[in-house]
């Protein structure tokens, strides 16, 4: 299981986090009356809490998962700067990469909450770029510590730490060292992140970078594809709040991952969790699609909490248990390139077969077991109801595509099911590019749809004979025959 592999690898991972540090203050209280001075509620404060925010929340998420962390950023020469350092040290890390900039205000966001509602937010912060001397200190720290880390995370809140010089130099250092570099971006100019491994914008940030176009699904997808190519990214992971995530790959493929949140109370800080989990997963050697799946699970946990929060390993396990089952195996066509990438990343082979699978019987099961045995992951293309009718006649299918897909996905030998509406699976094969194309029956290889394509890139075709005496047609005849022979009830 990828989750357990991920969790077991975490103690061996060290992440280098660079970005805008701040404190998140929460004032919890009750609002029982209106002020006589102005038409605003009076909040009686009952509890105060100070948490790490911004890049500090990324560090907190990583440390909660058990990842080692090196942190670089800037604070002011003030009391909040000392408080922030204390909290970083309390996590078991160091603050040697945190630069003190005289005259700078350490960022603090104060949120006033009453009856589980945020009433007000007050920001104290500096957004001017850090001076050149501070840039040089940060870059020297990166140069020294990067060789000892597996991944570089850049948390950009637009507060002046990640200047163009720091960004360009950090990305170049990471790529030269062969380390993945992930960026949580800010602002309308994504060109400054060119050459990063992966970006994690939300919808608003992506559309701002695309020129301020109105947010729509079509516009988001167009912008995601365009920026992934222009910025020379390996992937762009778009966070879409209640709609989950969409991954845009350099290859041109896309993958939608639905949200895993049970309830959404607060999305603040969810982007920090996504960046932390993605970074830890890539540092552990997972493929982008697997890393994004885990980050999506983690985001679904933290949005159910109030305020900037973290996710613990056991919470990830619980979220994964809720997600498991046959429904997780039923995927859209757009997911196929990511499935192939993930399998190849592990050094495995993808097997593909297709069919109607109306009235599943032992012949089907044995065929699928043999197909799965030829590789590492079996993807099954399932004819839609309309496709079955065109192939088999108006009386078929006897079982609808949704039910057929769930039945097939319940089989241990089937890893993924995707439904297609065409008469042949050629378009699916073009999308998936399987390593092994399997067909059942007495076909000659040159009769198999997709053979030329698969063999053109080094794949192969395998023919598996059907089990004699077992077919859906014969099963239907037997059922009808038994019904006719049964005596009428009196």
Protein backbone atom coordinates (compact mmCIF):
# COMPACT_ATOMS: atom_id res chain seq x y z
CA UNK A 1 0.00 0.00 0.00
CA UNK A 2 1.47 3.40 -0.99
CA UNK A 3 0.33 5.04 2.27
CA UNK A 4 2.23 2.60 4.46
CA UNK A 5 5.31 2.82 2.22
CA UNK A 6 5.07 6.61 2.53
CA UNK A 7 4.65 6.62 6.32
CA UNK A 8 7.48 4.14 6.83
CA UNK A 9 9.84 6.27 4.70
CA UNK A 10 9.12 9.58 6.48
CA UNK A 11 11.77 9.30 9.24
CA UNK A 12 14.42 9.00 6.49
CA UNK A 13 13.29 12.20 4.72
CA UNK A 14 14.60 15.71 5.36
CA UNK A 15 12.86 18.64 3.67
CA UNK A 16 14.30 22.11 3.23
CA UNK A 17 11.54 24.72 3.59
CA UNK A 18 12.10 28.32 2.47
CA UNK A 19 9.45 30.99 2.66
CA UNK A 20 7.40 33.57 4.51
CA UNK A 21 7.20 32.88 8.25
CA UNK A 22 4.35 34.27 10.33
CA UNK A 23 2.30 33.68 13.47
CA UNK A 24 -1.40 32.85 13.41
CA UNK A 25 -3.15 34.15 16.53
CA UNK A 26 -6.62 32.91 17.48
CA UNK A 27 -8.80 34.73 19.99
CA UNK A 28 -11.75 32.51 20.96
CA UNK A 29 -14.73 34.02 22.71
CA UNK A 30 -18.44 34.70 22.96
CA UNK A 31 -20.44 37.44 21.28
CA UNK A 32 -23.53 38.16 23.34
CA UNK A 33 -24.21 41.84 22.73
CA UNK A 34 -23.76 44.77 20.37
CA UNK A 35 -21.33 47.55 21.23
CA UNK A 36 -22.98 50.82 22.34
CA UNK A 37 -20.19 52.66 20.51
CA UNK A 38 -20.79 51.22 17.02
CA UNK A 39 -23.03 48.58 15.35
CA UNK A 40 -20.51 45.77 15.91
CA UNK A 41 -20.56 42.72 18.21
CA UNK A 42 -18.65 42.74 21.48
CA UNK A 43 -16.55 39.58 21.80
CA UNK A 44 -15.61 38.45 25.29
CA UNK A 45 -12.28 36.61 24.86
CA UNK A 46 -12.12 33.27 26.70
CA UNK A 47 -9.03 31.67 25.16
CA UNK A 48 -5.97 32.75 23.19
CA UNK A 49 -3.78 30.58 20.96
CA UNK A 50 -0.66 31.29 18.92
CA UNK A 51 0.28 28.92 16.07
CA UNK A 52 2.93 28.83 13.37
CA UNK A 53 1.57 30.13 10.08
CA UNK A 54 2.73 30.44 6.48
CA UNK A 55 5.95 28.51 5.88
CA UNK A 56 5.95 27.74 9.61
CA UNK A 57 2.74 25.76 9.18
CA UNK A 58 4.43 23.77 6.40
CA UNK A 59 7.21 22.95 8.88
CA UNK A 60 4.65 22.01 11.55
CA UNK A 61 2.89 19.63 9.14
CA UNK A 62 6.16 17.98 8.16
CA UNK A 63 7.30 17.54 11.76
CA UNK A 64 3.92 16.08 12.76
CA UNK A 65 4.41 13.44 10.06
CA UNK A 66 7.91 12.69 11.36
CA UNK A 67 9.88 14.37 8.56
CA UNK A 68 13.17 16.09 9.37
CA UNK A 69 13.12 19.80 8.46
CA UNK A 70 15.60 22.56 7.69
CA UNK A 71 13.93 26.00 7.70
CA UNK A 72 15.03 29.24 6.05
CA UNK A 73 13.15 32.52 6.27
CA UNK A 74 13.17 35.97 7.85
CA UNK A 75 11.75 37.59 10.98
CA UNK A 76 11.91 41.05 12.48
CA UNK A 77 13.96 42.17 15.45
CA UNK A 78 10.86 42.09 17.64
CA UNK A 79 9.02 40.04 20.27
CA UNK A 80 7.03 38.08 17.66
CA UNK A 81 10.27 37.15 15.94
CA UNK A 82 11.48 35.58 19.19
CA UNK A 83 8.13 33.82 19.71
CA UNK A 84 8.29 32.40 16.21
CA UNK A 85 11.82 31.09 16.73
CA UNK A 86 10.76 29.48 20.02
CA UNK A 87 7.94 27.61 18.30
CA UNK A 88 10.21 26.39 15.52
CA UNK A 89 12.71 25.10 18.08
CA UNK A 90 9.90 23.43 20.04
CA UNK A 91 9.18 21.27 16.97
CA UNK A 92 12.63 19.73 17.29
CA UNK A 93 14.22 21.60 14.42
CA UNK A 94 16.67 24.49 14.24
CA UNK A 95 16.37 28.18 13.45
CA UNK A 96 19.86 28.65 12.03
CA UNK A 97 18.41 29.41 8.60
CA UNK A 98 16.09 32.11 9.94
CA UNK A 99 17.51 35.58 9.30
CA UNK A 100 16.71 38.54 11.56
CA UNK A 101 16.10 41.72 9.55
CA UNK A 102 16.27 44.94 11.63
CA UNK A 103 13.29 47.21 11.11
CA UNK A 104 11.15 44.40 9.72
CA UNK A 105 7.81 43.47 11.30
CA UNK A 106 7.35 39.76 11.97
CA UNK A 107 4.03 38.76 10.41
CA UNK A 108 1.06 38.04 12.67
CA UNK A 109 -2.52 37.35 11.58
CA UNK A 110 -5.03 37.71 14.42
CA UNK A 111 -8.41 36.04 14.02
CA UNK A 112 -11.27 36.74 16.41
CA UNK A 113 -13.76 33.87 16.62
CA UNK A 114 -17.06 33.60 18.47
CA UNK A 115 -19.54 30.73 18.36
CA UNK A 116 -17.31 28.97 15.77
CA UNK A 117 -17.55 31.96 13.41
CA UNK A 118 -14.67 34.22 12.42
CA UNK A 119 -15.71 37.76 13.28
CA UNK A 120 -12.59 39.67 12.29
CA UNK A 121 -9.01 39.29 11.05
CA UNK A 122 -6.27 41.80 11.79
CA UNK A 123 -2.90 41.57 9.98
CA UNK A 124 0.43 42.98 11.13
CA UNK A 125 3.08 42.34 8.50
CA UNK A 126 5.85 43.58 6.27
CA UNK A 127 5.59 42.91 2.53
CA UNK A 128 8.74 44.68 1.32
CA UNK A 129 11.45 42.45 -0.19
CA UNK A 130 14.19 41.43 2.21
CA UNK A 131 17.49 43.31 1.69
CA UNK A 132 20.30 41.92 -0.43
CA UNK A 133 22.35 40.98 2.64
CA UNK A 134 19.49 38.80 3.93
CA UNK A 135 19.13 37.21 0.48
CA UNK A 136 22.80 36.27 0.53
CA UNK A 137 22.46 34.72 4.01
CA UNK A 138 19.50 32.61 2.89
CA UNK A 139 21.24 31.44 -0.27
CA UNK A 140 24.39 30.50 1.64
CA UNK A 141 22.24 28.42 4.00
CA UNK A 142 20.55 26.73 1.01
CA UNK A 143 23.90 25.98 -0.60
CA UNK A 144 25.11 24.38 2.63
CA UNK A 145 22.01 22.38 3.62
CA UNK A 146 20.43 21.35 0.30
CA UNK A 147 22.83 18.40 -0.27
CA UNK A 148 21.57 16.89 3.00
CA UNK A 149 17.87 17.14 2.05
CA UNK A 150 15.67 15.12 -0.29
CA UNK A 151 13.29 17.89 -1.36
CA UNK A 152 13.03 21.71 -1.45
CA UNK A 153 9.71 23.40 -0.61
CA UNK A 154 9.14 27.09 -1.38
CA UNK A 155 6.20 28.61 0.51
CA UNK A 156 5.45 31.98 -1.10
CA UNK A 157 2.94 34.22 0.69
CA UNK A 158 4.15 37.33 -1.12
CA UNK A 159 5.66 38.86 2.03
CA UNK A 160 9.09 39.55 0.57
CA UNK A 161 11.29 36.57 1.50
CA UNK A 162 11.07 34.76 -1.84
CA UNK A 163 12.46 37.53 -4.01
CA UNK A 164 13.10 36.86 -7.68
CA UNK A 165 16.80 36.38 -6.90
CA UNK A 166 16.09 33.89 -4.09
CA UNK A 167 13.55 31.98 -6.21
CA UNK A 168 15.72 31.76 -9.32
CA UNK A 169 18.81 30.73 -7.34
CA UNK A 170 16.95 28.20 -5.16
CA UNK A 171 15.28 26.49 -8.12
CA UNK A 172 18.57 26.36 -10.01
CA UNK A 173 20.42 24.89 -7.00
CA UNK A 174 17.77 22.22 -6.51
CA UNK A 175 17.67 21.17 -10.15
CA UNK A 176 21.46 21.02 -10.37
CA UNK A 177 21.46 18.84 -7.25
CA UNK A 178 18.76 16.57 -8.69
CA UNK A 179 16.29 17.47 -5.92
CA UNK A 180 12.57 18.03 -6.56
CA UNK A 181 11.50 21.62 -5.86
CA UNK A 182 7.84 22.35 -5.08
CA UNK A 183 6.29 25.82 -4.91
CA UNK A 184 3.10 27.10 -3.30
CA UNK A 185 2.84 30.22 -5.49
CA UNK A 186 1.54 33.74 -4.96
CA UNK A 187 0.86 36.69 -7.25
CA UNK A 188 0.17 37.05 -10.93
CA UNK A 189 3.68 36.39 -12.25
CA UNK A 190 4.30 32.64 -12.27
CA UNK A 191 7.26 33.14 -14.60
CA UNK A 192 9.50 33.52 -11.55
CA UNK A 193 8.85 29.83 -10.75
CA UNK A 194 10.08 28.57 -14.13
CA UNK A 195 11.93 25.28 -13.87
CA UNK A 196 10.33 24.13 -10.62
CA UNK A 197 9.26 20.51 -10.41
CA UNK A 198 5.71 21.22 -9.29
CA UNK A 199 3.41 24.16 -8.49
CA UNK A 200 0.35 24.01 -6.19
CA UNK A 201 -1.89 27.03 -6.99
CA UNK A 202 -5.52 27.30 -5.98
CA UNK A 203 -8.21 28.36 -8.46
CA UNK A 204 -7.92 32.07 -7.77
CA UNK A 205 -4.12 32.05 -8.03
CA UNK A 206 -4.16 30.09 -11.28
CA UNK A 207 -6.65 32.41 -12.95
CA UNK A 208 -4.74 35.47 -11.72
CA UNK A 209 -1.58 34.07 -13.31
CA UNK A 210 -3.53 33.42 -16.51
CA UNK A 211 -4.46 37.09 -16.81
CA UNK A 212 -7.41 37.46 -14.47
CA UNK A 213 -9.89 35.48 -16.56
CA UNK A 214 -13.25 34.52 -14.99
CA UNK A 215 -13.09 31.19 -13.15
CA UNK A 216 -14.68 28.31 -15.08
CA UNK A 217 -13.76 24.66 -15.50
CA UNK A 218 -12.73 25.18 -19.12
CA UNK A 219 -10.64 28.26 -18.28
CA UNK A 220 -8.93 26.48 -15.37
CA UNK A 221 -7.99 23.50 -17.52
CA UNK A 222 -6.73 25.66 -20.35
CA UNK A 223 -4.62 27.74 -17.95
CA UNK A 224 -3.30 24.65 -16.19
CA UNK A 225 -2.15 23.03 -19.43
CA UNK A 226 -0.64 26.27 -20.73
CA UNK A 227 1.35 27.13 -17.59
CA UNK A 228 2.61 23.57 -17.09
CA UNK A 229 4.17 23.70 -20.55
CA UNK A 230 5.38 27.31 -20.45
CA UNK A 231 7.03 27.01 -17.02
CA UNK A 232 8.65 23.65 -17.89
CA UNK A 233 7.07 21.97 -14.86
CA UNK A 234 6.83 18.23 -14.37
CA UNK A 235 3.30 18.83 -13.11
CA UNK A 236 0.93 21.47 -11.80
CA UNK A 237 -1.40 20.43 -8.97
CA UNK A 238 -4.46 22.67 -8.91
CA UNK A 239 -6.27 22.68 -5.56
CA UNK A 240 -10.01 23.18 -6.12
CA UNK A 241 -11.43 23.31 -2.58
CA UNK A 242 -14.65 21.26 -2.45
CA UNK A 243 -13.91 19.83 -5.92
CA UNK A 244 -10.62 18.21 -4.89
CA UNK A 245 -7.58 18.51 -7.16
CA UNK A 246 -6.61 18.39 -10.81
CA UNK A 247 -3.10 17.40 -11.89
CA UNK A 248 -1.73 18.70 -15.19
CA UNK A 249 1.26 16.67 -16.39
CA UNK A 250 4.05 17.80 -18.68
CA UNK A 251 3.01 14.97 -21.02
CA UNK A 252 -0.35 16.68 -21.52
CA UNK A 253 -2.34 14.24 -19.40
CA UNK A 254 -4.73 15.34 -16.66
CA UNK A 255 -6.04 13.65 -13.54
CA UNK A 256 -8.99 14.75 -11.41
CA UNK A 257 -8.94 13.67 -7.76
CA UNK A 258 -12.28 14.21 -5.96
CA UNK A 259 -12.28 15.78 -2.50
CA UNK A 260 -12.01 13.49 0.52
CA UNK A 261 -13.39 15.99 3.05
CA UNK A 262 -16.32 14.82 5.18
CA UNK A 263 -17.03 18.34 6.49
CA UNK A 264 -15.42 21.68 5.69
CA UNK A 265 -14.99 24.11 8.58
CA UNK A 266 -11.93 26.14 7.57
CA UNK A 267 -9.71 26.05 4.47
CA UNK A 268 -7.03 28.36 5.92
CA UNK A 269 -3.71 26.54 5.97
CA UNK A 270 -4.90 23.65 3.78
CA UNK A 271 -2.45 24.73 1.08
CA UNK A 272 0.40 24.39 3.59
CA UNK A 273 -0.66 20.81 4.33
CA UNK A 274 -0.86 20.01 0.61
CA UNK A 275 2.64 21.39 0.01
CA UNK A 276 4.05 19.48 3.00
CA UNK A 277 2.55 16.11 2.06
CA UNK A 278 3.36 16.46 -1.64
CA UNK A 279 6.94 17.36 -0.77
CA UNK A 280 7.37 14.51 1.70
CA UNK A 281 5.88 12.03 -0.78
CA UNK A 282 8.10 13.11 -3.67
CA UNK A 283 11.07 13.09 -1.31
CA UNK A 284 10.14 9.49 -0.45
CA UNK A 285 10.23 8.58 -4.13
CA UNK A 286 6.50 8.39 -4.89
CA UNK A 287 5.08 9.34 -8.29
CA UNK A 288 3.30 12.68 -8.60
CA UNK A 289 -0.14 11.05 -8.88
CA UNK A 290 0.39 8.99 -5.71
CA UNK A 291 1.77 12.03 -3.91
CA UNK A 292 -1.25 14.11 -4.93
CA UNK A 293 -3.66 11.39 -3.79
CA UNK A 294 -2.05 11.43 -0.32
CA UNK A 295 -2.02 15.25 -0.23
CA UNK A 296 -5.70 15.24 -1.14
CA UNK A 297 -6.42 12.85 1.74
CA UNK A 298 -4.50 15.12 4.11
CA UNK A 299 -6.30 18.25 2.89
CA UNK A 300 -9.63 16.50 3.47
CA UNK A 301 -8.62 16.04 7.11
CA UNK A 302 -7.36 19.56 7.88
CA UNK A 303 -10.32 21.42 6.35
CA UNK A 304 -12.45 19.66 8.97
CA UNK A 305 -10.51 21.53 11.68
CA UNK A 306 -10.64 25.20 12.64
CA UNK A 307 -7.61 27.32 11.85
CA UNK A 308 -4.18 26.42 10.53
CA UNK A 309 -3.85 22.75 11.43
CA UNK A 310 -1.77 19.64 10.82
CA UNK A 311 -2.53 16.04 9.92
CA UNK A 312 -1.15 13.08 11.88
CA UNK A 313 -0.24 9.68 10.37
CA UNK A 314 -3.18 7.93 12.02
CA UNK A 315 -5.57 10.53 10.58
CA UNK A 316 -4.19 9.74 7.12
CA UNK A 317 -4.72 6.02 7.74
CA UNK A 318 -8.33 6.65 8.80
CA UNK A 319 -8.97 8.79 5.71
CA UNK A 320 -7.47 6.08 3.49
CA UNK A 321 -9.71 3.43 5.06
CA UNK A 322 -12.77 5.55 4.25
CA UNK A 323 -11.58 5.88 0.65
CA UNK A 324 -10.84 2.17 0.08
CA UNK A 325 -13.28 -0.10 -1.75
CA UNK A 326 -14.42 -0.84 -5.25
CA UNK A 327 -15.52 2.73 -6.00
CA UNK A 328 -11.89 3.89 -5.72
CA UNK A 329 -11.02 1.56 -8.61
CA UNK A 330 -13.54 3.04 -11.05
CA UNK A 331 -11.74 5.85 -12.84
CA UNK A 332 -12.40 8.25 -15.74
CA UNK A 333 -10.44 8.04 -18.98
CA UNK A 334 -8.47 11.15 -18.01
CA UNK A 335 -6.89 9.20 -15.12
CA UNK A 336 -5.25 6.60 -17.36
CA UNK A 337 -1.99 8.48 -18.18
CA UNK A 338 -1.39 9.06 -14.46
CA UNK A 339 -1.99 5.37 -13.74
CA UNK A 340 0.57 4.43 -16.39
CA UNK A 341 3.06 6.96 -15.00
CA UNK A 342 2.64 5.63 -11.46
CA UNK A 343 3.11 1.99 -12.49
CA UNK A 344 6.16 2.79 -14.62
CA UNK A 345 7.60 4.88 -11.77
CA UNK A 346 7.58 1.69 -9.69
CA UNK A 347 9.15 -0.29 -12.53
CA UNK A 348 5.92 -2.19 -13.25
CA UNK A 349 3.93 -3.12 -16.38
CA UNK A 350 0.37 -2.10 -17.26
CA UNK A 351 -1.98 -4.75 -18.67
CA UNK A 352 -5.14 -3.74 -20.54
CA UNK A 353 -8.16 -5.73 -21.63
CA UNK A 354 -11.74 -4.87 -22.43
CA UNK A 355 -15.19 -6.32 -22.79
CA UNK A 356 -18.89 -6.14 -21.96
CA UNK A 357 -18.78 -8.52 -18.96
CA UNK A 358 -22.56 -8.80 -18.82
CA UNK A 359 -23.50 -11.53 -16.31
CA UNK A 360 -20.08 -12.22 -14.81
CA UNK A 361 -19.21 -15.94 -14.72
CA UNK A 362 -16.26 -18.19 -13.86
CA UNK A 363 -14.87 -17.96 -17.38
CA UNK A 364 -14.60 -14.18 -17.00
CA UNK A 365 -12.94 -14.47 -13.60
CA UNK A 366 -10.32 -16.98 -14.76
CA UNK A 367 -9.59 -14.88 -17.84
CA UNK A 368 -9.07 -11.73 -15.76
CA UNK A 369 -6.88 -13.57 -13.26
CA UNK A 370 -4.65 -14.79 -16.09
CA UNK A 371 -4.52 -11.31 -17.63
CA UNK A 372 -3.50 -9.77 -14.30
CA UNK A 373 -0.75 -12.35 -13.96
CA UNK A 374 0.95 -11.02 -17.10
CA UNK A 375 1.88 -7.71 -15.46
CA UNK A 376 1.58 -5.58 -12.35
CA UNK A 377 -1.65 -3.58 -12.83
CA UNK A 378 -4.74 -4.61 -14.80
CA UNK A 379 -6.85 -1.85 -16.34
CA UNK A 380 -10.20 -3.05 -17.67
CA UNK A 381 -12.09 -1.12 -20.35
CA UNK A 382 -15.82 -1.75 -19.89
CA UNK A 383 -18.31 -1.18 -22.72
CA UNK A 384 -21.05 1.29 -21.79
CA UNK A 385 -24.72 0.30 -22.03
CA UNK A 386 -25.10 2.01 -25.42
CA UNK A 387 -21.97 0.31 -26.70
CA UNK A 388 -23.22 -3.11 -25.55
CA UNK A 389 -26.58 -2.55 -27.26
CA UNK A 390 -24.87 -1.75 -30.54
CA UNK A 391 -22.70 -4.87 -30.27
CA UNK A 392 -25.13 -7.38 -28.73
CA UNK A 393 -28.62 -6.17 -29.62
CA UNK A 394 -31.45 -4.24 -28.00
CA UNK A 395 -32.03 -6.82 -25.23
CA UNK A 396 -28.55 -6.33 -23.78
CA UNK A 397 -27.01 -5.52 -21.39
CA UNK A 398 -28.89 -7.30 -18.65
CA UNK A 399 -26.88 -5.40 -16.04
CA UNK A 400 -26.17 -1.67 -16.29
CA UNK A 401 -22.66 -0.29 -16.66
CA UNK A 402 -22.54 1.17 -13.13
CA UNK A 403 -23.33 -2.20 -11.56
CA UNK A 404 -21.03 -4.09 -13.93
CA UNK A 405 -18.19 -1.71 -13.08
CA UNK A 406 -18.67 -2.16 -9.33
CA UNK A 407 -18.85 -5.96 -9.62
CA UNK A 408 -15.63 -6.06 -11.66
CA UNK A 409 -13.89 -3.59 -9.36
CA UNK A 410 -14.67 -5.88 -6.43
CA UNK A 411 -12.40 -8.55 -7.95
CA UNK A 412 -8.91 -8.62 -6.50
CA UNK A 413 -7.35 -9.23 -9.91
CA UNK A 414 -8.81 -6.00 -11.35
CA UNK A 415 -6.97 -2.82 -10.39
CA UNK A 416 -8.93 -0.22 -12.38
CA UNK A 417 -12.15 -0.09 -14.40
CA UNK A 418 -12.96 2.63 -16.91
CA UNK A 419 -16.17 2.77 -18.97
CA UNK A 420 -16.02 3.65 -22.68
CA UNK A 421 -18.80 4.40 -25.15
CA UNK A 422 -17.07 3.61 -28.47
CA UNK A 423 -17.51 0.33 -30.34
CA UNK A 424 -13.79 -0.48 -29.95
CA UNK A 425 -11.29 0.32 -27.18
CA UNK A 426 -8.80 1.98 -29.55
CA UNK A 427 -9.14 5.46 -28.02
CA UNK A 428 -8.63 4.02 -24.54
CA UNK A 429 -5.52 2.20 -25.72
CA UNK A 430 -4.21 5.43 -27.28
CA UNK A 431 -4.74 7.21 -23.95
CA UNK A 432 -3.31 4.48 -21.70
CA UNK A 433 -0.45 3.09 -23.82
CA UNK A 434 -0.46 -0.28 -22.00
CA UNK A 435 2.61 -2.48 -21.95
CA UNK A 436 0.53 -5.61 -22.58
CA UNK A 437 -2.73 -5.73 -24.55
CA UNK A 438 -4.79 -8.82 -23.75
CA UNK A 439 -7.62 -10.31 -25.80
CA UNK A 440 -9.68 -13.38 -25.02
CA UNK A 441 -10.77 -16.10 -27.44
CA UNK A 442 -9.30 -17.53 -30.62
CA UNK A 443 -8.18 -14.25 -32.22
CA UNK A 444 -5.00 -14.05 -34.24
CA UNK A 445 -2.75 -11.22 -32.95
CA UNK A 446 -3.20 -9.22 -36.17
CA UNK A 447 -6.98 -9.17 -35.56
CA UNK A 448 -6.67 -7.41 -32.18
CA UNK A 449 -7.70 -3.74 -32.15
CA UNK A 450 -4.77 -1.59 -31.06
CA UNK A 451 -2.06 -4.17 -31.83
CA UNK A 452 -0.09 -1.94 -34.22
CA UNK A 453 -0.07 0.95 -31.76
CA UNK A 454 1.02 -1.16 -28.79
CA UNK A 455 3.78 -2.89 -30.73
CA UNK A 456 4.98 0.45 -32.15
CA UNK A 457 6.27 1.56 -28.74
CA UNK A 458 7.58 -1.85 -27.65
CA UNK A 459 4.47 -3.34 -26.05
CA UNK A 460 3.05 -6.74 -26.86
CA UNK A 461 -0.26 -8.53 -27.45
CA UNK A 462 -1.32 -11.63 -25.51
CA UNK A 463 -4.20 -13.97 -26.41
CA UNK A 464 -5.86 -15.91 -23.57
CA UNK A 465 -8.26 -18.70 -24.62
CA UNK A 466 -11.74 -18.59 -23.09
CA UNK A 467 -12.76 -21.37 -20.68
CA UNK A 468 -14.72 -23.95 -22.69
CA UNK A 469 -18.43 -24.18 -21.89
CA UNK A 470 -18.63 -20.79 -20.19
CA UNK A 471 -20.10 -17.75 -21.95
CA UNK A 472 -22.70 -15.10 -21.17
CA UNK A 473 -24.85 -16.28 -24.10
CA UNK A 474 -24.82 -19.87 -22.81
CA UNK A 475 -25.60 -18.64 -19.28
CA UNK A 476 -28.63 -16.71 -20.53
CA UNK A 477 -29.88 -19.79 -22.45
CA UNK A 478 -29.50 -21.92 -19.34
CA UNK A 479 -31.44 -19.42 -17.21
CA UNK A 480 -34.25 -19.24 -19.78
CA UNK A 481 -34.33 -23.02 -20.15
CA UNK A 482 -34.55 -23.52 -16.40
CA UNK A 483 -37.36 -20.98 -16.21
CA UNK A 484 -39.36 -22.77 -18.90
CA UNK A 485 -38.91 -26.15 -17.22
CA UNK A 486 -39.98 -24.97 -13.77
CA UNK A 487 -43.60 -26.03 -12.98
CA UNK A 488 -46.11 -23.23 -12.67
CA UNK A 489 -47.02 -22.26 -9.12
CA UNK A 490 -50.58 -23.08 -8.03
